[in-house]
Amino acid sequence: MYKFLAKLNKILLPSFTKQGLDISKAKKWQMAIIGYRAYVTKRALGN
């Protein structure tokens, strides 16, 4: 399930690293997306 979510995230959600976003200046919604993507990626790699 998490591998599917990781692929879906890659397609649908923006990549802030490619945009050169400074994490210390990220807005709350951007931090929420970063945290969600990190959680899903960690779970996908763990399975």
N, C-alpha and C. Protein backbone atom coordinates (compact mmCIF):
# COMPACT_ATOMS: atom_id res chain seq x y z
N MET A 1 0.81 -1.18 0.00
CA MET A 1 0.00 0.00 0.00
C MET A 1 0.86 1.26 0.00
N TYR A 2 1.92 1.27 0.80
CA TYR A 2 2.77 2.47 0.88
C TYR A 2 3.58 2.69 -0.39
N LYS A 3 3.92 1.62 -1.07
CA LYS A 3 4.64 1.78 -2.34
C LYS A 3 3.75 2.47 -3.36
N PHE A 4 2.47 2.10 -3.37
CA PHE A 4 1.52 2.75 -4.27
C PHE A 4 1.37 4.23 -3.90
N LEU A 5 1.25 4.52 -2.60
CA LEU A 5 1.14 5.91 -2.16
C LEU A 5 2.37 6.71 -2.52
N ALA A 6 3.55 6.11 -2.41
CA ALA A 6 4.78 6.81 -2.76
C ALA A 6 4.80 7.17 -4.24
N LYS A 7 4.36 6.26 -5.09
CA LYS A 7 4.30 6.55 -6.53
C LYS A 7 3.27 7.63 -6.82
N LEU A 8 2.15 7.58 -6.15
CA LEU A 8 1.11 8.58 -6.33
C LEU A 8 1.59 9.96 -5.86
N ASN A 9 2.30 9.99 -4.76
CA ASN A 9 2.85 11.25 -4.25
C ASN A 9 3.83 11.86 -5.24
N LYS A 10 4.63 11.03 -5.84
CA LYS A 10 5.63 11.52 -6.80
C LYS A 10 4.96 12.18 -7.99
N ILE A 11 3.80 11.66 -8.38
CA ILE A 11 3.08 12.21 -9.52
C ILE A 11 2.30 13.46 -9.13
N LEU A 12 1.60 13.42 -8.01
CA LEU A 12 0.64 14.48 -7.67
C LEU A 12 1.21 15.63 -6.84
N LEU A 13 2.08 15.32 -5.89
CA LEU A 13 2.55 16.36 -4.98
C LEU A 13 3.82 17.03 -5.50
N PRO A 14 3.99 18.31 -5.20
CA PRO A 14 5.17 19.03 -5.68
C PRO A 14 6.43 18.56 -4.99
N SER A 15 7.55 18.64 -5.70
CA SER A 15 8.84 18.32 -5.13
C SER A 15 9.52 19.63 -4.73
N PHE A 16 9.63 19.86 -3.45
CA PHE A 16 10.18 21.12 -2.97
C PHE A 16 11.70 21.17 -3.10
N THR A 17 12.35 20.01 -3.17
CA THR A 17 13.80 20.02 -3.35
C THR A 17 14.17 20.47 -4.76
N LYS A 18 13.36 20.09 -5.73
CA LYS A 18 13.62 20.54 -7.10
C LYS A 18 13.37 22.03 -7.25
N GLN A 19 12.47 22.57 -6.42
CA GLN A 19 12.18 24.00 -6.46
C GLN A 19 13.19 24.81 -5.67
N GLY A 20 14.05 24.14 -4.92
CA GLY A 20 15.06 24.82 -4.12
C GLY A 20 14.50 25.48 -2.88
N LEU A 21 13.49 24.88 -2.27
CA LEU A 21 12.85 25.44 -1.09
C LEU A 21 13.78 25.32 0.11
N ASP A 22 13.95 26.42 0.83
CA ASP A 22 14.69 26.40 2.10
C ASP A 22 13.72 25.96 3.19
N ILE A 23 14.02 24.84 3.83
CA ILE A 23 13.09 24.26 4.81
C ILE A 23 12.85 25.20 5.98
N SER A 24 13.83 25.98 6.36
CA SER A 24 13.64 26.90 7.48
C SER A 24 12.66 28.02 7.15
N LYS A 25 12.40 28.24 5.86
CA LYS A 25 11.47 29.28 5.43
C LYS A 25 10.18 28.71 4.86
N ALA A 26 9.97 27.42 5.01
CA ALA A 26 8.78 26.77 4.46
C ALA A 26 7.55 27.14 5.27
N LYS A 27 6.44 27.22 4.58
CA LYS A 27 5.16 27.49 5.23
C LYS A 27 4.65 26.21 5.87
N LYS A 28 3.63 26.35 6.72
CA LYS A 28 3.11 25.18 7.45
C LYS A 28 2.56 24.12 6.51
N TRP A 29 1.88 24.51 5.46
CA TRP A 29 1.32 23.51 4.54
C TRP A 29 2.43 22.80 3.78
N GLN A 30 3.54 23.51 3.50
CA GLN A 30 4.67 22.88 2.83
C GLN A 30 5.35 21.89 3.77
N MET A 31 5.47 22.26 5.05
CA MET A 31 6.06 21.35 6.02
C MET A 31 5.19 20.10 6.21
N ALA A 32 3.88 20.28 6.15
CA ALA A 32 2.98 19.13 6.27
C ALA A 32 3.18 18.17 5.10
N ILE A 33 3.32 18.70 3.89
CA ILE A 33 3.55 17.84 2.72
C ILE A 33 4.90 17.15 2.82
N ILE A 34 5.92 17.87 3.26
CA ILE A 34 7.25 17.27 3.42
C ILE A 34 7.21 16.13 4.43
N GLY A 35 6.55 16.37 5.55
CA GLY A 35 6.43 15.33 6.58
C GLY A 35 5.65 14.12 6.10
N TYR A 36 4.56 14.36 5.39
CA TYR A 36 3.75 13.27 4.87
C TYR A 36 4.54 12.44 3.86
N ARG A 37 5.24 13.13 2.96
CA ARG A 37 6.02 12.40 1.95
C ARG A 37 7.14 11.60 2.60
N ALA A 38 7.77 12.16 3.63
CA ALA A 38 8.84 11.45 4.33
C ALA A 38 8.29 10.20 5.03
N TYR A 39 7.14 10.34 5.67
CA TYR A 39 6.52 9.21 6.36
C TYR A 39 6.18 8.09 5.38
N VAL A 40 5.55 8.44 4.27
CA VAL A 40 5.16 7.43 3.29
C VAL A 40 6.38 6.76 2.67
N THR A 41 7.40 7.56 2.36
CA THR A 41 8.62 7.00 1.78
C THR A 41 9.31 6.04 2.75
N LYS A 42 9.37 6.43 4.02
CA LYS A 42 10.00 5.57 5.03
C LYS A 42 9.24 4.25 5.15
N ARG A 43 7.94 4.32 5.16
CA ARG A 43 7.13 3.10 5.27
C ARG A 43 7.25 2.24 4.01
N ALA A 44 7.33 2.87 2.84
CA ALA A 44 7.44 2.12 1.58
C ALA A 44 8.78 1.40 1.50
N LEU A 45 9.83 2.02 2.00
CA LEU A 45 11.14 1.39 1.95
C LEU A 45 11.30 0.30 3.01
N GLY A 46 10.53 0.41 4.09
CA GLY A 46 10.60 -0.57 5.17
C GLY A 46 9.94 -1.88 4.84
N ASN A 47 9.06 -1.90 3.87
CA ASN A 47 8.32 -3.14 3.52
C ASN A 47 9.03 -3.96 2.51
